[in-house]
Amino acid sequence: MGNTVSISIEEAVQSLARQDTELARKVIDGDDIVDKMEVDIEDKCMVLIARQQPMARDLRVLGTGLKITTDLERIGDHAYDIANITLRLANQPLIKPLVDFPVWPVLLKKC
């Protein structure tokens, strides 16, 4: 899920910087995949909690997993929003060059 979201955000930013509507549509279409991943992970965590009744450490790991999936899904929503902005601005000249964007996805890969 993390890798999928990372790729989505990178592609969304690239689509905005290049005004690439095809790439923006790809990001928008991929948002459903991230949403499904979140639901699947949450379901699996709930099943583990219900059936295994984990104690302290294991329960904290499951809780952390649930929090992470929520955050990743929200980042995926940001990628979706950036892609929608790209589609709205596609045929309009940029007011100002997006000079900071091309560097940011490269930094993301190093993390």
C-alpha atoms as a PDB file:
ATOM      1  CA  MET A   1       0.000   0.000   0.000  1.00  0.00           C
ATOM      2  CA  GLY A   2       2.841   2.366   0.856  1.00  0.00           C
ATOM      3  CA  ASN A   3       4.543   1.755  -2.470  1.00  0.00           C
ATOM      4  CA  THR A   4       1.304   2.279  -4.380  1.00  0.00           C
ATOM      5  CA  VAL A   5       0.648   5.575  -2.596  1.00  0.00           C
ATOM      6  CA  SER A   6       4.237   6.711  -3.150  1.00  0.00           C
ATOM      7  CA  ILE A   7       3.929   6.066  -6.877  1.00  0.00           C
ATOM      8  CA  SER A   8       0.532   7.805  -6.969  1.00  0.00           C
ATOM      9  CA  ILE A   9       1.805  10.970  -5.324  1.00  0.00           C
ATOM     10  CA  GLU A  10       4.877  11.055  -7.565  1.00  0.00           C
ATOM     11  CA  GLU A  11       2.787  10.599 -10.699  1.00  0.00           C
ATOM     12  CA  ALA A  12       0.263  13.210  -9.554  1.00  0.00           C
ATOM     13  CA  VAL A  13       2.987  15.790  -9.026  1.00  0.00           C
ATOM     14  CA  GLN A  14       4.592  14.896 -12.356  1.00  0.00           C
ATOM     15  CA  SER A  15       1.238  15.209 -14.119  1.00  0.00           C
ATOM     16  CA  LEU A  16       0.765  18.668 -12.648  1.00  0.00           C
ATOM     17  CA  ALA A  17       4.283  19.823 -13.513  1.00  0.00           C
ATOM     18  CA  ARG A  18       3.980  18.524 -17.095  1.00  0.00           C
ATOM     19  CA  GLN A  19       0.247  19.200 -17.464  1.00  0.00           C
ATOM     20  CA  ASP A  20      -0.107  15.551 -18.481  1.00  0.00           C
ATOM     21  CA  THR A  21      -3.818  14.711 -18.415  1.00  0.00           C
ATOM     22  CA  GLU A  22      -3.293  11.051 -19.295  1.00  0.00           C
ATOM     23  CA  LEU A  23      -1.058  10.519 -16.270  1.00  0.00           C
ATOM     24  CA  ALA A  24      -3.529  12.453 -14.107  1.00  0.00           C
ATOM     25  CA  ARG A  25      -6.347  10.130 -15.204  1.00  0.00           C
ATOM     26  CA  LYS A  26      -4.175   7.125 -14.354  1.00  0.00           C
ATOM     27  CA  VAL A  27      -3.713   8.487 -10.815  1.00  0.00           C
ATOM     28  CA  ILE A  28      -7.447   9.114 -10.456  1.00  0.00           C
ATOM     29  CA  ASP A  29      -8.256   5.581 -11.616  1.00  0.00           C
ATOM     30  CA  GLY A  30      -5.707   4.141  -9.156  1.00  0.00           C
ATOM     31  CA  ASP A  31      -7.340   5.782  -6.145  1.00  0.00           C
ATOM     32  CA  ASP A  32      -9.911   2.996  -5.927  1.00  0.00           C
ATOM     33  CA  ILE A  33      -7.092   0.459  -5.528  1.00  0.00           C
ATOM     34  CA  VAL A  34      -5.699   2.313  -2.514  1.00  0.00           C
ATOM     35  CA  ASP A  35      -9.181   2.613  -1.006  1.00  0.00           C
ATOM     36  CA  LYS A  36      -9.698  -1.138  -1.408  1.00  0.00           C
ATOM     37  CA  MET A  37      -6.318  -1.861   0.169  1.00  0.00           C
ATOM     38  CA  GLU A  38      -7.290   0.192   3.222  1.00  0.00           C
ATOM     39  CA  VAL A  39     -10.558  -1.694   3.646  1.00  0.00           C
ATOM     40  CA  ASP A  40      -8.845  -5.076   3.192  1.00  0.00           C
ATOM     41  CA  ILE A  41      -6.143  -4.292   5.761  1.00  0.00           C
ATOM     42  CA  GLU A  42      -8.689  -2.960   8.257  1.00  0.00           C
ATOM     43  CA  ASP A  43     -10.805  -6.083   7.806  1.00  0.00           C
ATOM     44  CA  LYS A  44      -7.817  -8.356   8.408  1.00  0.00           C
ATOM     45  CA  CYS A  45      -6.838  -6.405  11.524  1.00  0.00           C
ATOM     46  CA  MET A  46     -10.370  -6.633  12.897  1.00  0.00           C
ATOM     47  CA  VAL A  47     -10.501 -10.374  12.252  1.00  0.00           C
ATOM     48  CA  LEU A  48      -7.196 -10.816  14.085  1.00  0.00           C
ATOM     49  CA  ILE A  49      -8.430  -8.760  17.026  1.00  0.00           C
ATOM     50  CA  ALA A  50     -11.703 -10.669  17.208  1.00  0.00           C
ATOM     51  CA  ARG A  51     -10.326 -14.186  16.759  1.00  0.00           C
ATOM     52  CA  GLN A  52      -6.882 -14.056  18.341  1.00  0.00           C
ATOM     53  CA  GLN A  53      -7.528 -11.539  21.142  1.00  0.00           C
ATOM     54  CA  PRO A  54      -3.977 -10.144  20.987  1.00  0.00           C
ATOM     55  CA  MET A  55      -2.320  -8.891  24.135  1.00  0.00           C
ATOM     56  CA  ALA A  56      -0.421  -5.613  24.717  1.00  0.00           C
ATOM     57  CA  ARG A  57       2.450  -5.615  22.197  1.00  0.00           C
ATOM     58  CA  ASP A  58       0.556  -7.377  19.415  1.00  0.00           C
ATOM     59  CA  LEU A  59      -2.464  -5.152  19.915  1.00  0.00           C
ATOM     60  CA  ARG A  60      -0.252  -2.061  19.648  1.00  0.00           C
ATOM     61  CA  VAL A  61       1.193  -3.388  16.373  1.00  0.00           C
ATOM     62  CA  LEU A  62      -2.306  -3.889  14.979  1.00  0.00           C
ATOM     63  CA  GLY A  63      -3.371  -0.426  16.152  1.00  0.00           C
ATOM     64  CA  THR A  64      -0.328   1.102  14.507  1.00  0.00           C
ATOM     65  CA  GLY A  65      -1.130  -0.747  11.295  1.00  0.00           C
ATOM     66  CA  LEU A  66      -4.646   0.657  11.340  1.00  0.00           C
ATOM     67  CA  LYS A  67      -3.338   4.189  11.868  1.00  0.00           C
ATOM     68  CA  ILE A  68      -0.781   3.830   9.085  1.00  0.00           C
ATOM     69  CA  THR A  69      -3.361   2.610   6.585  1.00  0.00           C
ATOM     70  CA  THR A  70      -5.592   5.578   7.405  1.00  0.00           C
ATOM     71  CA  ASP A  71      -2.706   7.995   6.830  1.00  0.00           C
ATOM     72  CA  LEU A  72      -1.649   6.293   3.601  1.00  0.00           C
ATOM     73  CA  GLU A  73      -5.198   6.388   2.282  1.00  0.00           C
ATOM     74  CA  ARG A  74      -5.349  10.113   3.023  1.00  0.00           C
ATOM     75  CA  ILE A  75      -2.073  10.668   1.148  1.00  0.00           C
ATOM     76  CA  GLY A  76      -3.615   8.742  -1.751  1.00  0.00           C
ATOM     77  CA  ASP A  77      -6.557  11.142  -1.593  1.00  0.00           C
ATOM     78  CA  HIS A  78      -4.110  14.049  -1.882  1.00  0.00           C
ATOM     79  CA  ALA A  79      -2.652  12.454  -5.025  1.00  0.00           C
ATOM     80  CA  TYR A  80      -6.205  12.158  -6.376  1.00  0.00           C
ATOM     81  CA  ASP A  81      -6.828  15.845  -5.617  1.00  0.00           C
ATOM     82  CA  ILE A  82      -3.604  16.918  -7.331  1.00  0.00           C
ATOM     83  CA  ALA A  83      -4.569  14.872 -10.389  1.00  0.00           C
ATOM     84  CA  ASN A  84      -8.005  16.551 -10.461  1.00  0.00           C
ATOM     85  CA  ILE A  85      -6.328  19.961 -10.317  1.00  0.00           C
ATOM     86  CA  THR A  86      -4.158  18.898 -13.240  1.00  0.00           C
ATOM     87  CA  LEU A  87      -7.254  18.089 -15.287  1.00  0.00           C
ATOM     88  CA  ARG A  88      -8.854  21.442 -14.428  1.00  0.00           C
ATOM     89  CA  LEU A  89      -5.704  23.393 -15.346  1.00  0.00           C
ATOM     90  CA  ALA A  90      -4.711  21.284 -18.352  1.00  0.00           C
ATOM     91  CA  ASN A  91      -5.480  23.789 -21.090  1.00  0.00           C
ATOM     92  CA  GLN A  92      -4.478  26.900 -19.191  1.00  0.00           C
ATOM     93  CA  PRO A  93      -1.016  28.442 -19.090  1.00  0.00           C
ATOM     94  CA  LEU A  94       0.674  28.328 -15.710  1.00  0.00           C
ATOM     95  CA  ILE A  95       0.795  31.649 -13.906  1.00  0.00           C
ATOM     96  CA  LYS A  96       4.193  30.801 -12.504  1.00  0.00           C
ATOM     97  CA  PRO A  97       6.605  27.954 -13.341  1.00  0.00           C
ATOM     98  CA  LEU A  98       6.477  25.017 -10.947  1.00  0.00           C
ATOM     99  CA  VAL A  99      10.201  25.013 -10.260  1.00  0.00           C
ATOM    100  CA  ASP A 100      10.074  23.205  -6.921  1.00  0.00           C
ATOM    101  CA  PHE A 101       8.039  20.177  -8.043  1.00  0.00           C
ATOM    102  CA  PRO A 102      10.513  18.202 -10.161  1.00  0.00           C
ATOM    103  CA  VAL A 103      12.925  17.824  -7.219  1.00  0.00           C
ATOM    104  CA  TRP A 104      10.370  16.652  -4.661  1.00  0.00           C
ATOM    105  CA  PRO A 105       9.564  13.166  -6.095  1.00  0.00           C
ATOM    106  CA  VAL A 106      13.281  12.378  -6.256  1.00  0.00           C
ATOM    107  CA  LEU A 107      13.604  13.169  -2.535  1.00  0.00           C
ATOM    108  CA  LEU A 108      10.610  10.942  -1.806  1.00  0.00           C
ATOM    109  CA  LYS A 109      12.359   7.950  -3.396  1.00  0.00           C
ATOM    110  CA  LYS A 110      15.378   8.385  -1.113  1.00  0.00           C
ATOM    111  CA  CYS A 111      13.257   8.010   2.050  1.00  0.00           C
END
